[in-house]
């Protein structure tokens, strides 16, 4: 991969993970300020895991070593999977709609 291609993918994944993190922050805000159905515990967990995806990607690029890169990417993948679980739980417990769930899950799938 040449340097221009590398920089393109670096910017693209950082933008995607940043946009996803913003969606998670907005979701947390919705969950904790809703007058009908407030939720604090899961929303705190999803805020942590959902924003951690982007921070681990940002730490991975540029890598200090191949092992460092693989470690950070592996952590980002684990955080994405954890976020998917929290989203499913929020949907199944009627804190978010099916449509909201599908939108956020689609964003995670793009990251993976």
PDB file of N, CA and C in Angstrom:
ATOM      1  N   UNK A   1       0.858  -1.179   0.000  1.00  0.00           N
ATOM      2  CA  UNK A   1       0.000   0.000   0.000  1.00  0.00           C
ATOM      3  C   UNK A   1       0.899   1.234   0.000  1.00  0.00           C
ATOM      4  N   UNK A   2       0.637   2.147  -0.914  1.00  0.00           N
ATOM      5  CA  UNK A   2       1.457   3.353  -0.954  1.00  0.00           C
ATOM      6  C   UNK A   2       0.990   4.344   0.111  1.00  0.00           C
ATOM      7  N   UNK A   3       1.780   5.363   0.313  1.00  0.00           N
ATOM      8  CA  UNK A   3       1.513   6.322   1.385  1.00  0.00           C
ATOM      9  C   UNK A   3       0.190   7.076   1.182  1.00  0.00           C
ATOM     10  N   UNK A   4      -0.151   7.439  -0.030  1.00  0.00           N
ATOM     11  CA  UNK A   4      -1.400   8.154  -0.308  1.00  0.00           C
ATOM     12  C   UNK A   4      -2.610   7.284   0.033  1.00  0.00           C
ATOM     13  N   UNK A   5      -2.550   6.008  -0.351  1.00  0.00           N
ATOM     14  CA  UNK A   5      -3.648   5.085  -0.035  1.00  0.00           C
ATOM     15  C   UNK A   5      -3.752   4.892   1.465  1.00  0.00           C
ATOM     16  N   UNK A   6      -2.608   4.722   2.120  1.00  0.00           N
ATOM     17  CA  UNK A   6      -2.574   4.572   3.575  1.00  0.00           C
ATOM     18  C   UNK A   6      -3.216   5.776   4.258  1.00  0.00           C
ATOM     19  N   UNK A   7      -2.861   6.973   3.848  1.00  0.00           N
ATOM     20  CA  UNK A   7      -3.417   8.193   4.448  1.00  0.00           C
ATOM     21  C   UNK A   7      -4.917   8.310   4.195  1.00  0.00           C
ATOM     22  N   UNK A   8      -5.374   7.887   3.009  1.00  0.00           N
ATOM     23  CA  UNK A   8      -6.803   7.921   2.700  1.00  0.00           C
ATOM     24  C   UNK A   8      -7.575   7.032   3.672  1.00  0.00           C
ATOM     25  N   UNK A   9      -7.111   5.792   3.844  1.00  0.00           N
ATOM     26  CA  UNK A   9      -7.810   4.868   4.736  1.00  0.00           C
ATOM     27  C   UNK A   9      -7.705   5.307   6.190  1.00  0.00           C
ATOM     28  N   UNK A  10      -6.587   5.886   6.567  1.00  0.00           N
ATOM     29  CA  UNK A  10      -6.409   6.386   7.926  1.00  0.00           C
ATOM     30  C   UNK A  10      -7.439   7.470   8.220  1.00  0.00           C
ATOM     31  N   UNK A  11      -7.583   8.421   7.327  1.00  0.00           N
ATOM     32  CA  UNK A  11      -8.545   9.509   7.512  1.00  0.00           C
ATOM     33  C   UNK A  11      -9.960   8.955   7.496  1.00  0.00           C
ATOM     34  N   UNK A  12     -10.257   8.058   6.584  1.00  0.00           N
ATOM     35  CA  UNK A  12     -11.602   7.507   6.447  1.00  0.00           C
ATOM     36  C   UNK A  12     -12.030   6.788   7.727  1.00  0.00           C
ATOM     37  N   UNK A  13     -11.213   5.894   8.258  1.00  0.00           N
ATOM     38  CA  UNK A  13     -11.589   5.139   9.452  1.00  0.00           C
ATOM     39  C   UNK A  13     -11.671   6.057  10.668  1.00  0.00           C
ATOM     40  N   UNK A  14     -10.790   7.033  10.750  1.00  0.00           N
ATOM     41  CA  UNK A  14     -10.859   7.971  11.865  1.00  0.00           C
ATOM     42  C   UNK A  14     -12.144   8.799  11.798  1.00  0.00           C
ATOM     43  N   UNK A  15     -12.533   9.226  10.597  1.00  0.00           N
ATOM     44  CA  UNK A  15     -13.790   9.976  10.437  1.00  0.00           C
ATOM     45  C   UNK A  15     -14.997   9.117  10.791  1.00  0.00           C
ATOM     46  N   UNK A  16     -15.004   7.876  10.325  1.00  0.00           N
ATOM     47  CA  UNK A  16     -16.128   6.981  10.603  1.00  0.00           C
ATOM     48  C   UNK A  16     -16.262   6.679  12.095  1.00  0.00           C
ATOM     49  N   UNK A  17     -15.143   6.414  12.752  1.00  0.00           N
ATOM     50  CA  UNK A  17     -15.219   6.109  14.183  1.00  0.00           C
ATOM     51  C   UNK A  17     -15.581   7.354  14.989  1.00  0.00           C
ATOM     52  N   UNK A  18     -15.124   8.516  14.545  1.00  0.00           N
ATOM     53  CA  UNK A  18     -15.490   9.765  15.220  1.00  0.00           C
ATOM     54  C   UNK A  18     -16.993  10.027  15.081  1.00  0.00           C
ATOM     55  N   UNK A  19     -17.520   9.853  13.872  1.00  0.00           N
ATOM     56  CA  UNK A  19     -18.957  10.051  13.656  1.00  0.00           C
ATOM     57  C   UNK A  19     -19.775   9.062  14.483  1.00  0.00           C
ATOM     58  N   UNK A  20     -19.309   7.827  14.571  1.00  0.00           N
ATOM     59  CA  UNK A  20     -20.012   6.834  15.383  1.00  0.00           C
ATOM     60  C   UNK A  20     -19.973   7.234  16.864  1.00  0.00           C
ATOM     61  N   UNK A  21     -18.838   7.691  17.331  1.00  0.00           N
ATOM     62  CA  UNK A  21     -18.726   8.121  18.731  1.00  0.00           C
ATOM     63  C   UNK A  21     -19.707   9.259  19.027  1.00  0.00           C
ATOM     64  N   UNK A  22     -19.851  10.184  18.085  1.00  0.00           N
ATOM     65  CA  UNK A  22     -20.832  11.268  18.270  1.00  0.00           C
ATOM     66  C   UNK A  22     -22.244  10.715  18.394  1.00  0.00           C
ATOM     67  N   UNK A  23     -22.581   9.733  17.579  1.00  0.00           N
ATOM     68  CA  UNK A  23     -23.914   9.121  17.664  1.00  0.00           C
ATOM     69  C   UNK A  23     -24.131   8.484  19.030  1.00  0.00           C
ATOM     70  N   UNK A  24     -23.100   7.872  19.564  1.00  0.00           N
ATOM     71  CA  UNK A  24     -23.203   7.244  20.884  1.00  0.00           C
ATOM     72  C   UNK A  24     -23.355   8.302  21.976  1.00  0.00           C
ATOM     73  N   UNK A  25     -22.642   9.402  21.856  1.00  0.00           N
ATOM     74  CA  UNK A  25     -22.789  10.498  22.832  1.00  0.00           C
ATOM     75  C   UNK A  25     -24.217  11.033  22.797  1.00  0.00           C
ATOM     76  N   UNK A  26     -24.755  11.222  21.603  1.00  0.00           N
ATOM     77  CA  UNK A  26     -26.138  11.701  21.479  1.00  0.00           C
ATOM     78  C   UNK A  26     -27.127  10.679  22.042  1.00  0.00           C
ATOM     79  N   UNK A  27     -26.853   9.398  21.811  1.00  0.00           N
ATOM     80  CA  UNK A  27     -27.712   8.350  22.364  1.00  0.00           C
ATOM     81  C   UNK A  27     -27.696   8.405  23.885  1.00  0.00           C
ATOM     82  N   UNK A  28     -26.516   8.546  24.460  1.00  0.00           N
ATOM     83  CA  UNK A  28     -26.414   8.633  25.933  1.00  0.00           C
ATOM     84  C   UNK A  28     -27.221   9.819  26.443  1.00  0.00           C
ATOM     85  N   UNK A  29     -27.118  10.933  25.746  1.00  0.00           N
ATOM     86  CA  UNK A  29     -27.871  12.121  26.148  1.00  0.00           C
ATOM     87  C   UNK A  29     -29.378  11.842  26.098  1.00  0.00           C
ATOM     88  N   UNK A  30     -29.828  11.205  25.030  1.00  0.00           N
ATOM     89  CA  UNK A  30     -31.253  10.845  24.915  1.00  0.00           C
ATOM     90  C   UNK A  30     -31.688   9.936  26.052  1.00  0.00           C
ATOM     91  N   UNK A  31     -30.871   8.943  26.355  1.00  0.00           N
ATOM     92  CA  UNK A  31     -31.239   7.955  27.366  1.00  0.00           C
ATOM     93  C   UNK A  31     -31.307   8.545  28.770  1.00  0.00           C
ATOM     94  N   UNK A  32     -30.487   9.541  29.031  1.00  0.00           N
ATOM     95  CA  UNK A  32     -30.448  10.092  30.388  1.00  0.00           C
ATOM     96  C   UNK A  32     -31.320  11.324  30.571  1.00  0.00           C
ATOM     97  N   UNK A  33     -31.839  11.876  29.485  1.00  0.00           N
ATOM     98  CA  UNK A  33     -32.679  13.069  29.636  1.00  0.00           C
ATOM     99  C   UNK A  33     -34.129  12.825  29.265  1.00  0.00           C
ATOM    100  N   UNK A  34     -34.451  11.623  28.809  1.00  0.00           N
ATOM    101  CA  UNK A  34     -35.829  11.302  28.464  1.00  0.00           C
ATOM    102  C   UNK A  34     -36.735  11.441  29.686  1.00  0.00           C
ATOM    103  N   UNK A  35     -37.875  12.055  29.512  1.00  0.00           N
ATOM    104  CA  UNK A  35     -38.790  12.209  30.641  1.00  0.00           C
ATOM    105  C   UNK A  35     -39.591  10.947  30.897  1.00  0.00           C
ATOM    106  N   UNK A  36     -39.738  10.090  29.873  1.00  0.00           N
ATOM    107  CA  UNK A  36     -40.540   8.883  30.015  1.00  0.00           C
ATOM    108  C   UNK A  36     -39.761   7.697  30.573  1.00  0.00           C
ATOM    109  N   UNK A  37     -38.566   7.508  30.117  1.00  0.00           N
ATOM    110  CA  UNK A  37     -37.875   6.247  30.354  1.00  0.00           C
ATOM    111  C   UNK A  37     -36.369   6.487  30.471  1.00  0.00           C
ATOM    112  N   UNK A  38     -35.918   6.927  31.617  1.00  0.00           N
ATOM    113  CA  UNK A  38     -34.489   7.228  31.775  1.00  0.00           C
ATOM    114  C   UNK A  38     -33.693   5.969  32.069  1.00  0.00           C
ATOM    115  N   UNK A  39     -32.490   5.937  31.543  1.00  0.00           N
ATOM    116  CA  UNK A  39     -31.609   4.793  31.739  1.00  0.00           C
ATOM    117  C   UNK A  39     -30.191   5.328  31.953  1.00  0.00           C
ATOM    118  N   UNK A  40     -29.543   4.876  33.043  1.00  0.00           N
ATOM    119  CA  UNK A  40     -28.227   5.404  33.375  1.00  0.00           C
ATOM    120  C   UNK A  40     -27.105   4.364  33.326  1.00  0.00           C
ATOM    121  N   UNK A  41     -27.369   3.152  33.735  1.00  0.00           N
ATOM    122  CA  UNK A  41     -26.303   2.162  33.857  1.00  0.00           C
ATOM    123  C   UNK A  41     -25.809   1.698  32.488  1.00  0.00           C
ATOM    124  N   UNK A  42     -26.711   1.206  31.650  1.00  0.00           N
ATOM    125  CA  UNK A  42     -26.306   0.731  30.323  1.00  0.00           C
ATOM    126  C   UNK A  42     -25.791   1.892  29.480  1.00  0.00           C
ATOM    127  N   UNK A  43     -26.422   3.055  29.628  1.00  0.00           N
ATOM    128  CA  UNK A  43     -25.979   4.199  28.824  1.00  0.00           C
ATOM    129  C   UNK A  43     -24.538   4.594  29.164  1.00  0.00           C
ATOM    130  N   UNK A  44     -24.137   4.425  30.398  1.00  0.00           N
ATOM    131  CA  UNK A  44     -22.754   4.720  30.783  1.00  0.00           C
ATOM    132  C   UNK A  44     -21.807   3.692  30.148  1.00  0.00           C
ATOM    133  N   UNK A  45     -22.236   2.435  30.134  1.00  0.00           N
ATOM    134  CA  UNK A  45     -21.401   1.385  29.544  1.00  0.00           C
ATOM    135  C   UNK A  45     -21.260   1.560  28.028  1.00  0.00           C
ATOM    136  N   UNK A  46     -22.375   1.878  27.370  1.00  0.00           N
ATOM    137  CA  UNK A  46     -22.306   2.036  25.916  1.00  0.00           C
ATOM    138  C   UNK A  46     -21.522   3.289  25.534  1.00  0.00           C
ATOM    139  N   UNK A  47     -21.570   4.306  26.366  1.00  0.00           N
ATOM    140  CA  UNK A  47     -20.756   5.499  26.121  1.00  0.00           C
ATOM    141  C   UNK A  47     -19.276   5.131  26.164  1.00  0.00           C
ATOM    142  N   UNK A  48     -18.896   4.335  27.142  1.00  0.00           N
ATOM    143  CA  UNK A  48     -17.505   3.919  27.283  1.00  0.00           C
ATOM    144  C   UNK A  48     -17.067   3.047  26.103  1.00  0.00           C
ATOM    145  N   UNK A  49     -17.839   2.002  25.811  1.00  0.00           N
ATOM    146  CA  UNK A  49     -17.409   1.085  24.746  1.00  0.00           C
ATOM    147  C   UNK A  49     -17.540   1.709  23.359  1.00  0.00           C
ATOM    148  N   UNK A  50     -18.606   2.464  23.123  1.00  0.00           N
ATOM    149  CA  UNK A  50     -18.841   3.051  21.808  1.00  0.00           C
ATOM    150  C   UNK A  50     -17.843   4.125  21.423  1.00  0.00           C
ATOM    151  N   UNK A  51     -17.363   4.875  22.401  1.00  0.00           N
ATOM    152  CA  UNK A  51     -16.365   5.901  22.099  1.00  0.00           C
ATOM    153  C   UNK A  51     -14.948   5.329  22.108  1.00  0.00           C
ATOM    154  N   UNK A  52     -14.776   4.195  22.758  1.00  0.00           N
ATOM    155  CA  UNK A  52     -13.457   3.559  22.815  1.00  0.00           C
ATOM    156  C   UNK A  52     -13.019   2.995  21.470  1.00  0.00           C
ATOM    157  N   UNK A  53     -13.971   2.688  20.608  1.00  0.00           N
ATOM    158  CA  UNK A  53     -13.625   2.156  19.280  1.00  0.00           C
ATOM    159  C   UNK A  53     -12.715   3.152  18.559  1.00  0.00           C
ATOM    160  N   UNK A  54     -13.153   4.391  18.487  1.00  0.00           N
ATOM    161  CA  UNK A  54     -12.388   5.428  17.789  1.00  0.00           C
ATOM    162  C   UNK A  54     -11.074   5.769  18.460  1.00  0.00           C
ATOM    163  N   UNK A  55     -11.068   5.772  19.787  1.00  0.00           N
ATOM    164  CA  UNK A  55      -9.822   6.120  20.473  1.00  0.00           C
ATOM    165  C   UNK A  55      -8.761   5.053  20.252  1.00  0.00           C
ATOM    166  N   UNK A  56      -9.172   3.798  20.209  1.00  0.00           N
ATOM    167  CA  UNK A  56      -8.196   2.737  19.945  1.00  0.00           C
ATOM    168  C   UNK A  56      -7.700   2.762  18.511  1.00  0.00           C
ATOM    169  N   UNK A  57      -8.583   3.090  17.579  1.00  0.00           N
ATOM    170  CA  UNK A  57      -8.151   3.235  16.181  1.00  0.00           C
ATOM    171  C   UNK A  57      -7.160   4.395  16.078  1.00  0.00           C
ATOM    172  N   UNK A  58      -7.466   5.500  16.731  1.00  0.00           N
ATOM    173  CA  UNK A  58      -6.576   6.667  16.689  1.00  0.00           C
ATOM    174  C   UNK A  58      -5.208   6.345  17.289  1.00  0.00           C
ATOM    175  N   UNK A  59      -5.196   5.539  18.342  1.00  0.00           N
ATOM    176  CA  UNK A  59      -3.924   5.144  18.954  1.00  0.00           C
ATOM    177  C   UNK A  59      -3.146   4.169  18.074  1.00  0.00           C
ATOM    178  N   UNK A  60      -3.854   3.397  17.254  1.00  0.00           N
ATOM    179  CA  UNK A  60      -3.197   2.381  16.419  1.00  0.00           C
ATOM    180  C   UNK A  60      -2.480   2.976  15.218  1.00  0.00           C
ATOM    181  N   UNK A  61      -2.897   4.149  14.787  1.00  0.00           N
ATOM    182  CA  UNK A  61      -2.362   4.741  13.556  1.00  0.00           C
ATOM    183  C   UNK A  61      -1.698   6.067  13.878  1.00  0.00           C
ATOM    184  N   UNK A  62      -0.427   6.249  13.667  1.00  0.00           N
ATOM    185  CA  UNK A  62       0.522   5.273  13.164  1.00  0.00           C
ATOM    186  C   UNK A  62       0.984   4.345  14.293  1.00  0.00           C
ATOM    187  N   UNK A  63       1.218   3.099  13.986  1.00  0.00           N
ATOM    188  CA  UNK A  63       1.611   2.146  15.024  1.00  0.00           C
ATOM    189  C   UNK A  63       3.072   2.294  15.422  1.00  0.00           C
ATOM    190  N   UNK A  64       3.343   1.952  16.667  1.00  0.00           N
ATOM    191  CA  UNK A  64       4.732   1.906  17.112  1.00  0.00           C
ATOM    192  C   UNK A  64       5.400   0.635  16.608  1.00  0.00           C
ATOM    193  N   UNK A  65       4.575  -0.404  16.459  1.00  0.00           N
ATOM    194  CA  UNK A  65       5.055  -1.688  15.937  1.00  0.00           C
ATOM    195  C   UNK A  65       3.852  -2.451  15.393  1.00  0.00           C
ATOM    196  N   UNK A  66       4.121  -3.531  14.708  1.00  0.00           N
ATOM    197  CA  UNK A  66       3.033  -4.360  14.192  1.00  0.00           C
ATOM    198  C   UNK A  66       2.215  -4.937  15.359  1.00  0.00           C
ATOM    199  N   UNK A  67       2.890  -5.353  16.408  1.00  0.00           N
ATOM    200  CA  UNK A  67       2.202  -5.900  17.582  1.00  0.00           C
ATOM    201  C   UNK A  67       1.317  -4.843  18.243  1.00  0.00           C
ATOM    202  N   UNK A  68       1.815  -3.620  18.328  1.00  0.00           N
ATOM    203  CA  UNK A  68       1.034  -2.520  18.909  1.00  0.00           C
ATOM    204  C   UNK A  68      -0.211  -2.257  18.068  1.00  0.00           C
ATOM    205  N   UNK A  69      -0.039  -2.230  16.755  1.00  0.00           N
ATOM    206  CA  UNK A  69      -1.155  -2.005  15.844  1.00  0.00           C
ATOM    207  C   UNK A  69      -2.213  -3.096  16.012  1.00  0.00           C
ATOM    208  N   UNK A  70      -1.783  -4.343  15.989  1.00  0.00           N
ATOM    209  CA  UNK A  70      -2.723  -5.454  16.119  1.00  0.00           C
ATOM    210  C   UNK A  70      -3.437  -5.432  17.471  1.00  0.00           C
ATOM    211  N   UNK A  71      -2.733  -5.062  18.509  1.00  0.00           N
ATOM    212  CA  UNK A  71      -3.341  -4.979  19.841  1.00  0.00           C
ATOM    213  C   UNK A  71      -4.436  -3.917  19.876  1.00  0.00           C
ATOM    214  N   UNK A  72      -4.153  -2.734  19.363  1.00  0.00           N
ATOM    215  CA  UNK A  72      -5.142  -1.642  19.382  1.00  0.00           C
ATOM    216  C   UNK A  72      -6.345  -1.967  18.497  1.00  0.00           C
ATOM    217  N   UNK A  73      -6.110  -2.547  17.341  1.00  0.00           N
ATOM    218  CA  UNK A  73      -7.204  -2.921  16.449  1.00  0.00           C
ATOM    219  C   UNK A  73      -8.053  -4.018  17.092  1.00  0.00           C
ATOM    220  N   UNK A  74      -7.400  -4.947  17.764  1.00  0.00           N
ATOM    221  CA  UNK A  74      -8.115  -6.015  18.459  1.00  0.00           C
ATOM    222  C   UNK A  74      -9.001  -5.454  19.573  1.00  0.00           C
ATOM    223  N   UNK A  75      -8.498  -4.498  20.309  1.00  0.00           N
ATOM    224  CA  UNK A  75      -9.289  -3.860  21.366  1.00  0.00           C
ATOM    225  C   UNK A  75     -10.477  -3.115  20.758  1.00  0.00           C
ATOM    226  N   UNK A  76     -10.246  -2.413  19.656  1.00  0.00           N
ATOM    227  CA  UNK A  76     -11.338  -1.695  18.983  1.00  0.00           C
ATOM    228  C   UNK A  76     -12.429  -2.669  18.540  1.00  0.00           C
ATOM    229  N   UNK A  77     -12.039  -3.821  18.030  1.00  0.00           N
ATOM    230  CA  UNK A  77     -13.000  -4.839  17.609  1.00  0.00           C
ATOM    231  C   UNK A  77     -13.802  -5.353  18.807  1.00  0.00           C
ATOM    232  N   UNK A  78     -13.120  -5.601  19.909  1.00  0.00           N
ATOM    233  CA  UNK A  78     -13.813  -6.054  21.124  1.00  0.00           C
ATOM    234  C   UNK A  78     -14.805  -5.000  21.617  1.00  0.00           C
ATOM    235  N   UNK A  79     -14.401  -3.746  21.573  1.00  0.00           N
ATOM    236  CA  UNK A  79     -15.293  -2.668  22.004  1.00  0.00           C
ATOM    237  C   UNK A  79     -16.506  -2.549  21.078  1.00  0.00           C
ATOM    238  N   UNK A  80     -16.284  -2.771  19.778  1.00  0.00           N
ATOM    239  CA  UNK A  80     -17.396  -2.741  18.827  1.00  0.00           C
ATOM    240  C   UNK A  80     -18.385  -3.865  19.128  1.00  0.00           C
ATOM    241  N   UNK A  81     -17.867  -5.038  19.418  1.00  0.00           N
ATOM    242  CA  UNK A  81     -18.740  -6.162  19.758  1.00  0.00           C
ATOM    243  C   UNK A  81     -19.497  -5.917  21.062  1.00  0.00           C
ATOM    244  N   UNK A  82     -18.837  -5.328  22.031  1.00  0.00           N
ATOM    245  CA  UNK A  82     -19.509  -4.988  23.288  1.00  0.00           C
ATOM    246  C   UNK A  82     -20.611  -3.958  23.042  1.00  0.00           C
ATOM    247  N   UNK A  83     -20.326  -2.984  22.216  1.00  0.00           N
ATOM    248  CA  UNK A  83     -21.315  -1.953  21.898  1.00  0.00           C
ATOM    249  C   UNK A  83     -22.533  -2.574  21.225  1.00  0.00           C
ATOM    250  N   UNK A  84     -22.305  -3.530  20.335  1.00  0.00           N
ATOM    251  CA  UNK A  84     -23.417  -4.222  19.686  1.00  0.00           C
ATOM    252  C   UNK A  84     -24.299  -4.914  20.724  1.00  0.00           C
ATOM    253  N   UNK A  85     -23.695  -5.528  21.729  1.00  0.00           N
ATOM    254  CA  UNK A  85     -24.477  -6.176  22.782  1.00  0.00           C
ATOM    255  C   UNK A  85     -25.318  -5.168  23.548  1.00  0.00           C
ATOM    256  N   UNK A  86     -24.730  -4.037  23.931  1.00  0.00           N
ATOM    257  CA  UNK A  86     -25.474  -3.006  24.670  1.00  0.00           C
ATOM    258  C   UNK A  86     -26.623  -2.458  23.836  1.00  0.00           C
ATOM    259  N   UNK A  87     -26.385  -2.265  22.538  1.00  0.00           N
ATOM    260  CA  UNK A  87     -27.457  -1.778  21.666  1.00  0.00           C
ATOM    261  C   UNK A  87     -28.601  -2.772  21.588  1.00  0.00           C
ATOM    262  N   UNK A  88     -28.259  -4.021  21.469  1.00  0.00           N
ATOM    263  CA  UNK A  88     -29.302  -5.058  21.425  1.00  0.00           C
ATOM    264  C   UNK A  88     -30.109  -5.066  22.720  1.00  0.00           C
ATOM    265  N   UNK A  89     -29.434  -4.953  23.830  1.00  0.00           N
ATOM    266  CA  UNK A  89     -30.118  -4.928  25.119  1.00  0.00           C
ATOM    267  C   UNK A  89     -31.034  -3.708  25.238  1.00  0.00           C
ATOM    268  N   UNK A  90     -30.549  -2.561  24.811  1.00  0.00           N
ATOM    269  CA  UNK A  90     -31.380  -1.347  24.839  1.00  0.00           C
ATOM    270  C   UNK A  90     -32.617  -1.504  23.968  1.00  0.00           C
ATOM    271  N   UNK A  91     -32.442  -2.128  22.808  1.00  0.00           N
ATOM    272  CA  UNK A  91     -33.587  -2.360  21.916  1.00  0.00           C
ATOM    273  C   UNK A  91     -34.566  -3.335  22.546  1.00  0.00           C
ATOM    274  N   UNK A  92     -34.061  -4.447  23.038  1.00  0.00           N
ATOM    275  CA  UNK A  92     -34.928  -5.489  23.593  1.00  0.00           C
ATOM    276  C   UNK A  92     -35.650  -5.043  24.858  1.00  0.00           C
ATOM    277  N   UNK A  93     -35.094  -4.070  25.552  1.00  0.00           N
ATOM    278  CA  UNK A  93     -35.739  -3.529  26.760  1.00  0.00           C
ATOM    279  C   UNK A  93     -36.531  -2.257  26.455  1.00  0.00           C
ATOM    280  N   UNK A  94     -36.693  -1.975  25.168  1.00  0.00           N
ATOM    281  CA  UNK A  94     -37.510  -0.848  24.692  1.00  0.00           C
ATOM    282  C   UNK A  94     -37.004   0.535  25.093  1.00  0.00           C
ATOM    283  N   UNK A  95     -35.695   0.672  25.199  1.00  0.00           N
ATOM    284  CA  UNK A  95     -35.119   1.995  25.418  1.00  0.00           C
ATOM    285  C   UNK A  95     -34.854   2.712  24.100  1.00  0.00           C
ATOM    286  N   UNK A  96     -34.611   1.920  23.031  1.00  0.00           N
ATOM    287  CA  UNK A  96     -34.452   2.503  21.697  1.00  0.00           C
ATOM    288  C   UNK A  96     -35.347   1.734  20.732  1.00  0.00           C
ATOM    289  N   UNK A  97     -35.689   2.384  19.646  1.00  0.00           N
ATOM    290  CA  UNK A  97     -36.552   1.754  18.644  1.00  0.00           C
ATOM    291  C   UNK A  97     -35.743   0.798  17.769  1.00  0.00           C
ATOM    292  N   UNK A  98     -36.452  -0.044  17.070  1.00  0.00           N
ATOM    293  CA  UNK A  98     -35.833  -0.958  16.113  1.00  0.00           C
ATOM    294  C   UNK A  98     -35.069  -0.172  15.047  1.00  0.00           C
ATOM    295  N   UNK A  99     -35.662   0.920  14.596  1.00  0.00           N
ATOM    296  CA  UNK A  99     -35.032   1.750  13.564  1.00  0.00           C
ATOM    297  C   UNK A  99     -33.732   2.363  14.074  1.00  0.00           C
ATOM    298  N   UNK A 100     -33.750   2.902  15.288  1.00  0.00           N
ATOM    299  CA  UNK A 100     -32.545   3.496  15.875  1.00  0.00           C
ATOM    300  C   UNK A 100     -31.470   2.416  16.038  1.00  0.00           C
ATOM    301  N   UNK A 101     -31.884   1.258  16.509  1.00  0.00           N
ATOM    302  CA  UNK A 101     -30.967   0.124  16.668  1.00  0.00           C
ATOM    303  C   UNK A 101     -30.315  -0.236  15.333  1.00  0.00           C
ATOM    304  N   UNK A 102     -31.122  -0.388  14.294  1.00  0.00           N
ATOM    305  CA  UNK A 102     -30.603  -0.776  12.982  1.00  0.00           C
ATOM    306  C   UNK A 102     -29.648   0.267  12.416  1.00  0.00           C
ATOM    307  N   UNK A 103     -29.947   1.537  12.645  1.00  0.00           N
ATOM    308  CA  UNK A 103     -29.059   2.608  12.179  1.00  0.00           C
ATOM    309  C   UNK A 103     -27.690   2.502  12.841  1.00  0.00           C
ATOM    310  N   UNK A 104     -27.677   2.300  14.153  1.00  0.00           N
ATOM    311  CA  UNK A 104     -26.410   2.225  14.878  1.00  0.00           C
ATOM    312  C   UNK A 104     -25.658   0.929  14.575  1.00  0.00           C
ATOM    313  N   UNK A 105     -26.380  -0.174  14.451  1.00  0.00           N
ATOM    314  CA  UNK A 105     -25.728  -1.441  14.111  1.00  0.00           C
ATOM    315  C   UNK A 105     -25.111  -1.352  12.714  1.00  0.00           C
ATOM    316  N   UNK A 106     -25.796  -0.722  11.782  1.00  0.00           N
ATOM    317  CA  UNK A 106     -25.252  -0.545  10.431  1.00  0.00           C
ATOM    318  C   UNK A 106     -23.949   0.243  10.472  1.00  0.00           C
ATOM    319  N   UNK A 107     -23.897   1.247  11.323  1.00  0.00           N
ATOM    320  CA  UNK A 107     -22.671   2.050  11.452  1.00  0.00           C
ATOM    321  C   UNK A 107     -21.530   1.199  12.008  1.00  0.00           C
ATOM    322  N   UNK A 108     -21.831   0.310  12.938  1.00  0.00           N
ATOM    323  CA  UNK A 108     -20.779  -0.560  13.477  1.00  0.00           C
ATOM    324  C   UNK A 108     -20.293  -1.529  12.405  1.00  0.00           C
ATOM    325  N   UNK A 109     -21.211  -2.098  11.647  1.00  0.00           N
ATOM    326  CA  UNK A 109     -20.840  -3.055  10.600  1.00  0.00           C
ATOM    327  C   UNK A 109     -19.875  -2.406   9.601  1.00  0.00           C
ATOM    328  N   UNK A 110     -20.107  -1.160   9.274  1.00  0.00           N
ATOM    329  CA  UNK A 110     -19.212  -0.431   8.357  1.00  0.00           C
ATOM    330  C   UNK A 110     -17.810  -0.332   8.964  1.00  0.00           C
ATOM    331  N   UNK A 111     -17.742  -0.135  10.281  1.00  0.00           N
ATOM    332  CA  UNK A 111     -16.440  -0.016  10.946  1.00  0.00           C
ATOM    333  C   UNK A 111     -15.685  -1.330  10.952  1.00  0.00           C
ATOM    334  N   UNK A 112     -16.417  -2.422  11.022  1.00  0.00           N
ATOM    335  CA  UNK A 112     -15.770  -3.734  11.105  1.00  0.00           C
ATOM    336  C   UNK A 112     -15.304  -4.173   9.735  1.00  0.00           C
TER     337      UNK A 112
END
